[in-house]
Amino acid sequence: MPEHAAHFVIECENAPGPAVLVCEHASNDFPSPWGGLGLNDAQRQAHIAWDPGALGLARELAQRLGAPMLHGTASRLIYDLNRPPHSPAAMPERSEVHEIPGNLGLSTEERLRRTEAIYIPFHAALSDLLARRLAVGQRPVLITVHSFSRIYFGQTREVEFGILHDADDRLARAVAARDVGLETRLNEPYSVADGVTHTLARNAMPLGLASVMLEIRNDLLARSQVSMAERLAPVLQAAIEEVA
């Protein structure tokens, strides 16, 4: 698929299934004009820069659900697509224990430049994708796909599969009610209180669309994104049918 100048890609745009998948943190690419933000190679490969395994899982799920999938193509350290422009986390000066030199003391002009280049086109494309489906009588559900690290600030996370929701919990609870053979928890390792449901709040809530944010521990995705998709897709399909 061709990459848009605005740093996103839509795959299988006309797929007929009831879901629309989104992977905001798909890439650890640091394109011009921003470069590497002063980070070393290990930092650019680490979870602070992206969600390892999330894009592969999102693609596999989209294939099994017959869904379009929208994903970002620049590191979330340049702009985190799951944060609004006024949030400090949109262009963070620090991620976990890592200082981000290229984000220190950003001018208002630079913040606007990144917002216009990355955030606005991405969310406009998602809004358009949902609107076109609504216009032909469909009621899509929005599913965002993320991964998280097992160790965070030195603490081990036992949860393997997190199911998060914003104000509308219908789809999240329908997914959580089904056994996927993983240590599954609702609103862990993050929740709306952490500001992580922006994509759902901006794009699904105003339209009354069911939505859910999936968080899968990235050491599990490193083993096989295909097998994880085979495990999760039937559960998602059944949950979608329940809330449709």
C-alpha atoms as a PDB file:
ATOM      1  CA  MET A   1       0.000   0.000   0.000  1.00  0.00           C
ATOM      2  CA  PRO A   2       1.305   3.490  -0.761  1.00  0.00           C
ATOM      3  CA  GLU A   3       2.313   5.571   2.228  1.00  0.00           C
ATOM      4  CA  HIS A   4       0.614   8.930   2.604  1.00  0.00           C
ATOM      5  CA  ALA A   5       2.784  12.013   2.943  1.00  0.00           C
ATOM      6  CA  ALA A   6       1.048  12.501   6.291  1.00  0.00           C
ATOM      7  CA  HIS A   7       2.669   9.431   7.848  1.00  0.00           C
ATOM      8  CA  PHE A   8      -0.135   6.883   7.860  1.00  0.00           C
ATOM      9  CA  VAL A   9      -1.288   3.934   5.785  1.00  0.00           C
ATOM     10  CA  ILE A  10      -4.769   2.480   5.288  1.00  0.00           C
ATOM     11  CA  GLU A  11      -4.760  -1.204   4.373  1.00  0.00           C
ATOM     12  CA  CYS A  12      -7.758  -3.027   2.865  1.00  0.00           C
ATOM     13  CA  GLU A  13      -9.800   0.179   2.963  1.00  0.00           C
ATOM     14  CA  ASN A  14     -12.856  -1.407   1.353  1.00  0.00           C
ATOM     15  CA  ALA A  15     -12.865  -4.634   3.378  1.00  0.00           C
ATOM     16  CA  PRO A  16     -16.507  -5.451   4.187  1.00  0.00           C
ATOM     17  CA  GLY A  17     -16.282  -6.628   7.805  1.00  0.00           C
ATOM     18  CA  PRO A  18     -17.937  -4.815  10.713  1.00  0.00           C
ATOM     19  CA  ALA A  19     -14.721  -3.729  12.432  1.00  0.00           C
ATOM     20  CA  VAL A  20     -12.251  -0.933  11.756  1.00  0.00           C
ATOM     21  CA  LEU A  21      -8.808  -1.615  13.226  1.00  0.00           C
ATOM     22  CA  VAL A  22      -6.282   1.015  14.240  1.00  0.00           C
ATOM     23  CA  CYS A  23      -2.635   0.662  15.245  1.00  0.00           C
ATOM     24  CA  GLU A  24      -1.369   4.052  16.375  1.00  0.00           C
ATOM     25  CA  HIS A  25       2.054   2.904  17.606  1.00  0.00           C
ATOM     26  CA  ALA A  26       2.918   0.631  14.690  1.00  0.00           C
ATOM     27  CA  SER A  27       6.293   2.083  13.732  1.00  0.00           C
ATOM     28  CA  ASN A  28       9.649   3.024  15.197  1.00  0.00           C
ATOM     29  CA  ASP A  29      10.613   4.991  12.091  1.00  0.00           C
ATOM     30  CA  PHE A  30      12.106   8.438  12.657  1.00  0.00           C
ATOM     31  CA  PRO A  31      11.564  10.180   9.332  1.00  0.00           C
ATOM     32  CA  SER A  32      12.888  13.508   8.125  1.00  0.00           C
ATOM     33  CA  PRO A  33      12.752  16.258   9.244  1.00  0.00           C
ATOM     34  CA  TRP A  34      12.762  14.981  12.828  1.00  0.00           C
ATOM     35  CA  GLY A  35      15.455  12.337  12.702  1.00  0.00           C
ATOM     36  CA  GLY A  36      16.292  10.258  15.753  1.00  0.00           C
ATOM     37  CA  LEU A  37      15.472  12.885  18.413  1.00  0.00           C
ATOM     38  CA  GLY A  38      18.918  12.320  19.914  1.00  0.00           C
ATOM     39  CA  LEU A  39      18.180   8.700  20.868  1.00  0.00           C
ATOM     40  CA  ASN A  40      20.571   5.788  20.454  1.00  0.00           C
ATOM     41  CA  ASP A  41      19.814   2.653  18.426  1.00  0.00           C
ATOM     42  CA  ALA A  42      18.724   0.638  21.461  1.00  0.00           C
ATOM     43  CA  GLN A  43      16.260   3.328  22.508  1.00  0.00           C
ATOM     44  CA  ARG A  44      14.818   3.582  18.997  1.00  0.00           C
ATOM     45  CA  GLN A  45      14.210  -0.173  19.035  1.00  0.00           C
ATOM     46  CA  ALA A  46      12.710  -0.206  22.527  1.00  0.00           C
ATOM     47  CA  HIS A  47       9.064  -0.031  23.567  1.00  0.00           C
ATOM     48  CA  ILE A  48       9.353   3.689  24.258  1.00  0.00           C
ATOM     49  CA  ALA A  49       9.493   4.306  20.494  1.00  0.00           C
ATOM     50  CA  TRP A  50       6.651   2.016  19.379  1.00  0.00           C
ATOM     51  CA  ASP A  51       4.547  -1.050  20.265  1.00  0.00           C
ATOM     52  CA  PRO A  52       6.604  -4.044  19.082  1.00  0.00           C
ATOM     53  CA  GLY A  53       4.462  -6.715  17.457  1.00  0.00           C
ATOM     54  CA  ALA A  54       1.295  -4.605  17.394  1.00  0.00           C
ATOM     55  CA  LEU A  55       1.310  -3.943  13.653  1.00  0.00           C
ATOM     56  CA  GLY A  56       1.768  -7.606  12.781  1.00  0.00           C
ATOM     57  CA  LEU A  57      -1.059  -8.573  15.106  1.00  0.00           C
ATOM     58  CA  ALA A  58      -3.324  -5.823  13.757  1.00  0.00           C
ATOM     59  CA  ARG A  59      -2.717  -7.028  10.193  1.00  0.00           C
ATOM     60  CA  GLU A  60      -3.479 -10.617  11.092  1.00  0.00           C
ATOM     61  CA  LEU A  61      -6.643  -9.632  12.952  1.00  0.00           C
ATOM     62  CA  ALA A  62      -7.777  -7.407  10.076  1.00  0.00           C
ATOM     63  CA  GLN A  63      -7.364 -10.299   7.663  1.00  0.00           C
ATOM     64  CA  ARG A  64      -9.400 -12.658   9.842  1.00  0.00           C
ATOM     65  CA  LEU A  65     -12.118 -10.089  10.576  1.00  0.00           C
ATOM     66  CA  GLY A  66     -12.292  -8.789   7.008  1.00  0.00           C
ATOM     67  CA  ALA A  67     -11.538  -5.305   8.293  1.00  0.00           C
ATOM     68  CA  PRO A  68      -9.710  -2.197   7.101  1.00  0.00           C
ATOM     69  CA  MET A  69      -6.700  -1.232   9.175  1.00  0.00           C
ATOM     70  CA  LEU A  70      -5.167   2.215   9.667  1.00  0.00           C
ATOM     71  CA  HIS A  71      -1.700   2.581  11.137  1.00  0.00           C
ATOM     72  CA  GLY A  72       0.861   5.261  11.778  1.00  0.00           C
ATOM     73  CA  THR A  73       4.279   5.179  10.138  1.00  0.00           C
ATOM     74  CA  ALA A  74       6.308   7.422  12.477  1.00  0.00           C
ATOM     75  CA  SER A  75       7.493   6.780  16.009  1.00  0.00           C
ATOM     76  CA  ARG A  76       5.141   7.793  18.780  1.00  0.00           C
ATOM     77  CA  LEU A  77       8.010   9.811  20.256  1.00  0.00           C
ATOM     78  CA  ILE A  78       7.665  12.262  17.365  1.00  0.00           C
ATOM     79  CA  TYR A  79       3.906  12.377  17.906  1.00  0.00           C
ATOM     80  CA  ASP A  80       1.814   9.908  19.891  1.00  0.00           C
ATOM     81  CA  LEU A  81      -1.346   9.471  17.824  1.00  0.00           C
ATOM     82  CA  ASN A  82      -3.271   8.268  20.878  1.00  0.00           C
ATOM     83  CA  ARG A  83      -2.859  11.629  22.641  1.00  0.00           C
ATOM     84  CA  PRO A  84      -4.522  15.002  21.932  1.00  0.00           C
ATOM     85  CA  PRO A  85      -2.338  17.960  20.913  1.00  0.00           C
ATOM     86  CA  HIS A  86      -2.542  19.682  24.299  1.00  0.00           C
ATOM     87  CA  SER A  87      -1.270  16.607  26.171  1.00  0.00           C
ATOM     88  CA  PRO A  88       2.391  16.637  27.289  1.00  0.00           C
ATOM     89  CA  ALA A  89       2.447  12.941  26.348  1.00  0.00           C
ATOM     90  CA  ALA A  90       1.785  13.750  22.684  1.00  0.00           C
ATOM     91  CA  MET A  91       5.449  14.774  22.286  1.00  0.00           C
ATOM     92  CA  PRO A  92       6.978  13.557  25.543  1.00  0.00           C
ATOM     93  CA  GLU A  93      10.166  14.917  27.023  1.00  0.00           C
ATOM     94  CA  ARG A  94      10.590  11.656  28.956  1.00  0.00           C
ATOM     95  CA  SER A  95       9.294   8.128  28.394  1.00  0.00           C
ATOM     96  CA  GLU A  96       9.612   5.801  31.382  1.00  0.00           C
ATOM     97  CA  VAL A  97      13.266   6.332  32.459  1.00  0.00           C
ATOM     98  CA  HIS A  98      14.439   7.746  29.127  1.00  0.00           C
ATOM     99  CA  GLU A  99      14.902  11.421  28.373  1.00  0.00           C
ATOM    100  CA  ILE A 100      13.962  12.348  24.786  1.00  0.00           C
ATOM    101  CA  PRO A 101      16.501  15.064  23.837  1.00  0.00           C
ATOM    102  CA  GLY A 102      14.751  16.077  20.619  1.00  0.00           C
ATOM    103  CA  ASN A 103      11.531  16.799  22.519  1.00  0.00           C
ATOM    104  CA  LEU A 104      13.004  19.002  25.224  1.00  0.00           C
ATOM    105  CA  GLY A 105      11.642  22.521  25.253  1.00  0.00           C
ATOM    106  CA  LEU A 106       9.704  22.293  22.008  1.00  0.00           C
ATOM    107  CA  SER A 107       8.479  25.599  20.675  1.00  0.00           C
ATOM    108  CA  THR A 108       4.798  26.157  20.028  1.00  0.00           C
ATOM    109  CA  GLU A 109       5.668  26.341  16.329  1.00  0.00           C
ATOM    110  CA  GLU A 110       7.254  22.892  16.388  1.00  0.00           C
ATOM    111  CA  ARG A 111       4.365  21.392  18.327  1.00  0.00           C
ATOM    112  CA  LEU A 112       1.960  22.801  15.748  1.00  0.00           C
ATOM    113  CA  ARG A 113       4.141  21.550  12.893  1.00  0.00           C
ATOM    114  CA  ARG A 114       4.072  17.972  14.194  1.00  0.00           C
ATOM    115  CA  THR A 115       0.357  18.161  14.957  1.00  0.00           C
ATOM    116  CA  GLU A 116      -0.411  19.323  11.428  1.00  0.00           C
ATOM    117  CA  ALA A 117       1.899  16.781   9.810  1.00  0.00           C
ATOM    118  CA  ILE A 118       0.996  13.674  11.817  1.00  0.00           C
ATOM    119  CA  TYR A 119      -1.984  13.932  14.173  1.00  0.00           C
ATOM    120  CA  ILE A 120      -4.554  15.879  12.156  1.00  0.00           C
ATOM    121  CA  PRO A 121      -4.274  13.838   8.907  1.00  0.00           C
ATOM    122  CA  PHE A 122      -4.350  10.518  10.782  1.00  0.00           C
ATOM    123  CA  HIS A 123      -7.512  11.255  12.717  1.00  0.00           C
ATOM    124  CA  ALA A 124      -9.148  12.898   9.719  1.00  0.00           C
ATOM    125  CA  ALA A 125      -8.535   9.693   7.755  1.00  0.00           C
ATOM    126  CA  LEU A 126     -10.051   7.588  10.528  1.00  0.00           C
ATOM    127  CA  SER A 127     -13.055   9.893  10.775  1.00  0.00           C
ATOM    128  CA  ASP A 128     -13.561   9.671   7.006  1.00  0.00           C
ATOM    129  CA  LEU A 129     -13.303   5.877   7.073  1.00  0.00           C
ATOM    130  CA  LEU A 130     -15.969   5.600   9.764  1.00  0.00           C
ATOM    131  CA  ALA A 131     -18.211   8.209   8.121  1.00  0.00           C
ATOM    132  CA  ARG A 132     -18.225   6.391   4.790  1.00  0.00           C
ATOM    133  CA  ARG A 133     -19.356   3.202   6.499  1.00  0.00           C
ATOM    134  CA  LEU A 134     -22.067   4.981   8.409  1.00  0.00           C
ATOM    135  CA  ALA A 135     -23.272   6.620   5.190  1.00  0.00           C
ATOM    136  CA  VAL A 136     -24.029   3.218   3.630  1.00  0.00           C
ATOM    137  CA  GLY A 137     -25.895   1.934   6.668  1.00  0.00           C
ATOM    138  CA  GLN A 138     -23.097   0.127   8.510  1.00  0.00           C
ATOM    139  CA  ARG A 139     -22.403   0.500  12.241  1.00  0.00           C
ATOM    140  CA  PRO A 140     -18.691  -0.240  12.499  1.00  0.00           C
ATOM    141  CA  VAL A 141     -16.931  -1.049  15.736  1.00  0.00           C
ATOM    142  CA  LEU A 142     -13.541   0.500  16.455  1.00  0.00           C
ATOM    143  CA  ILE A 143     -10.705  -1.714  17.706  1.00  0.00           C
ATOM    144  CA  THR A 144      -7.280  -0.295  18.531  1.00  0.00           C
ATOM    145  CA  VAL A 145      -4.318  -2.667  18.879  1.00  0.00           C
ATOM    146  CA  HIS A 146      -1.360  -2.083  21.201  1.00  0.00           C
ATOM    147  CA  SER A 147       1.370  -3.976  22.990  1.00  0.00           C
ATOM    148  CA  PHE A 148       2.991  -3.380  26.365  1.00  0.00           C
ATOM    149  CA  SER A 149       6.218  -4.438  28.042  1.00  0.00           C
ATOM    150  CA  ARG A 150       6.419  -7.055  30.769  1.00  0.00           C
ATOM    151  CA  ILE A 151       8.777  -4.912  32.869  1.00  0.00           C
ATOM    152  CA  TYR A 152       7.746  -1.318  33.572  1.00  0.00           C
ATOM    153  CA  PHE A 153       9.728   0.927  35.929  1.00  0.00           C
ATOM    154  CA  GLY A 154      11.390  -2.228  37.206  1.00  0.00           C
ATOM    155  CA  GLN A 155       8.107  -3.944  38.092  1.00  0.00           C
ATOM    156  CA  THR A 156       6.918  -7.193  36.479  1.00  0.00           C
ATOM    157  CA  ARG A 157       3.428  -7.206  35.012  1.00  0.00           C
ATOM    158  CA  GLU A 158       1.575 -10.495  35.293  1.00  0.00           C
ATOM    159  CA  VAL A 159      -1.293  -9.465  33.011  1.00  0.00           C
ATOM    160  CA  GLU A 160      -0.933 -10.815  29.467  1.00  0.00           C
ATOM    161  CA  PHE A 161      -4.012  -9.410  27.753  1.00  0.00           C
ATOM    162  CA  GLY A 162      -5.495  -6.072  28.738  1.00  0.00           C
ATOM    163  CA  ILE A 163      -8.923  -4.958  27.548  1.00  0.00           C
ATOM    164  CA  LEU A 164      -9.518  -1.228  27.866  1.00  0.00           C
ATOM    165  CA  HIS A 165     -12.521   0.989  27.260  1.00  0.00           C
ATOM    166  CA  ASP A 166     -13.547   4.625  27.402  1.00  0.00           C
ATOM    167  CA  ALA A 167     -17.071   5.640  28.502  1.00  0.00           C
ATOM    168  CA  ASP A 168     -18.719   2.864  26.452  1.00  0.00           C
ATOM    169  CA  ASP A 169     -17.751  -0.514  27.924  1.00  0.00           C
ATOM    170  CA  ARG A 170     -20.038  -2.771  25.832  1.00  0.00           C
ATOM    171  CA  LEU A 171     -17.440  -4.290  23.537  1.00  0.00           C
ATOM    172  CA  ALA A 172     -14.705  -4.440  26.172  1.00  0.00           C
ATOM    173  CA  ARG A 173     -16.903  -6.418  28.557  1.00  0.00           C
ATOM    174  CA  ALA A 174     -18.079  -8.716  25.777  1.00  0.00           C
ATOM    175  CA  VAL A 175     -14.439  -9.522  24.951  1.00  0.00           C
ATOM    176  CA  ALA A 176     -13.446  -9.877  28.615  1.00  0.00           C
ATOM    177  CA  ALA A 177     -16.273 -12.352  29.245  1.00  0.00           C
ATOM    178  CA  ARG A 178     -14.676 -14.872  26.889  1.00  0.00           C
ATOM    179  CA  ASP A 179     -11.761 -17.144  27.768  1.00  0.00           C
ATOM    180  CA  VAL A 180      -8.715 -16.674  25.549  1.00  0.00           C
ATOM    181  CA  GLY A 181      -6.314 -18.732  27.658  1.00  0.00           C
ATOM    182  CA  LEU A 182      -4.346 -15.673  28.786  1.00  0.00           C
ATOM    183  CA  GLU A 183      -4.086 -13.756  32.044  1.00  0.00           C
ATOM    184  CA  THR A 184      -6.771 -11.245  31.084  1.00  0.00           C
ATOM    185  CA  ARG A 185      -7.777  -8.120  32.960  1.00  0.00           C
ATOM    186  CA  LEU A 186     -10.144  -5.262  32.286  1.00  0.00           C
ATOM    187  CA  ASN A 187      -8.525  -1.809  32.231  1.00  0.00           C
ATOM    188  CA  GLU A 188      -5.018  -3.086  32.916  1.00  0.00           C
ATOM    189  CA  PRO A 189      -2.143  -2.381  32.577  1.00  0.00           C
ATOM    190  CA  TYR A 190      -3.615   1.034  31.721  1.00  0.00           C
ATOM    191  CA  SER A 191      -7.039   2.641  31.880  1.00  0.00           C
ATOM    192  CA  VAL A 192      -8.883   5.779  30.827  1.00  0.00           C
ATOM    193  CA  ALA A 193      -7.384   7.462  33.897  1.00  0.00           C
ATOM    194  CA  ASP A 194      -3.967   7.205  32.215  1.00  0.00           C
ATOM    195  CA  GLY A 195      -5.187   9.106  29.165  1.00  0.00           C
ATOM    196  CA  VAL A 196      -4.724   6.169  26.811  1.00  0.00           C
ATOM    197  CA  THR A 197      -8.179   5.984  25.226  1.00  0.00           C
ATOM    198  CA  HIS A 198      -8.018   9.166  23.173  1.00  0.00           C
ATOM    199  CA  THR A 199      -8.566   7.450  19.809  1.00  0.00           C
ATOM    200  CA  LEU A 200     -11.706   5.779  21.142  1.00  0.00           C
ATOM    201  CA  ALA A 201     -12.971   8.963  22.798  1.00  0.00           C
ATOM    202  CA  ARG A 202     -12.420  11.108  19.737  1.00  0.00           C
ATOM    203  CA  ASN A 203     -13.626   8.759  17.014  1.00  0.00           C
ATOM    204  CA  ALA A 204     -16.089   6.236  18.475  1.00  0.00           C
ATOM    205  CA  MET A 205     -17.784   7.918  21.426  1.00  0.00           C
ATOM    206  CA  PRO A 206     -19.332  10.888  19.536  1.00  0.00           C
ATOM    207  CA  LEU A 207     -20.864   8.501  16.991  1.00  0.00           C
ATOM    208  CA  GLY A 208     -22.176   6.008  19.534  1.00  0.00           C
ATOM    209  CA  LEU A 209     -19.972   3.251  18.105  1.00  0.00           C
ATOM    210  CA  ALA A 210     -18.865   0.297  20.213  1.00  0.00           C
ATOM    211  CA  SER A 211     -15.103   0.277  20.722  1.00  0.00           C
ATOM    212  CA  VAL A 212     -12.285  -1.419  22.567  1.00  0.00           C
ATOM    213  CA  MET A 213      -8.536  -1.032  23.038  1.00  0.00           C
ATOM    214  CA  LEU A 214      -6.503  -4.249  23.085  1.00  0.00           C
ATOM    215  CA  GLU A 215      -3.182  -4.443  24.957  1.00  0.00           C
ATOM    216  CA  ILE A 216      -1.105  -7.615  24.469  1.00  0.00           C
ATOM    217  CA  ARG A 217       2.180  -8.173  26.281  1.00  0.00           C
ATOM    218  CA  ASN A 218       4.918  -7.857  23.722  1.00  0.00           C
ATOM    219  CA  ASP A 219       6.965 -10.869  24.792  1.00  0.00           C
ATOM    220  CA  LEU A 220       3.976 -13.002  23.745  1.00  0.00           C
ATOM    221  CA  LEU A 221       3.760 -11.244  20.383  1.00  0.00           C
ATOM    222  CA  ALA A 222       7.475 -11.822  19.837  1.00  0.00           C
ATOM    223  CA  ARG A 223       6.745 -15.558  19.785  1.00  0.00           C
ATOM    224  CA  SER A 224       4.035 -15.416  17.128  1.00  0.00           C
ATOM    225  CA  GLN A 225       1.655 -12.710  16.042  1.00  0.00           C
ATOM    226  CA  VAL A 226      -0.138 -15.223  13.814  1.00  0.00           C
ATOM    227  CA  SER A 227      -0.992 -17.594  16.643  1.00  0.00           C
ATOM    228  CA  MET A 228      -2.121 -14.688  18.818  1.00  0.00           C
ATOM    229  CA  ALA A 229      -4.429 -13.498  16.045  1.00  0.00           C
ATOM    230  CA  GLU A 230      -5.817 -17.019  15.658  1.00  0.00           C
ATOM    231  CA  ARG A 231      -6.554 -17.004  19.388  1.00  0.00           C
ATOM    232  CA  LEU A 232      -8.136 -13.535  19.538  1.00  0.00           C
ATOM    233  CA  ALA A 233     -10.018 -13.223  16.244  1.00  0.00           C
ATOM    234  CA  PRO A 234     -12.869 -15.666  17.076  1.00  0.00           C
ATOM    235  CA  VAL A 235     -13.335 -13.968  20.454  1.00  0.00           C
ATOM    236  CA  LEU A 236     -13.491 -10.547  18.834  1.00  0.00           C
ATOM    237  CA  GLN A 237     -15.903 -11.763  16.174  1.00  0.00           C
ATOM    238  CA  ALA A 238     -18.255 -13.237  18.779  1.00  0.00           C
ATOM    239  CA  ALA A 239     -18.058 -10.097  20.918  1.00  0.00           C
ATOM    240  CA  ILE A 240     -18.795  -7.869  17.906  1.00  0.00           C
ATOM    241  CA  GLU A 241     -21.846  -9.957  17.046  1.00  0.00           C
ATOM    242  CA  GLU A 242     -23.041  -9.697  20.639  1.00  0.00           C
ATOM    243  CA  VAL A 243     -22.994  -5.897  20.724  1.00  0.00           C
ATOM    244  CA  ALA A 244     -24.080  -5.286  17.121  1.00  0.00           C
END
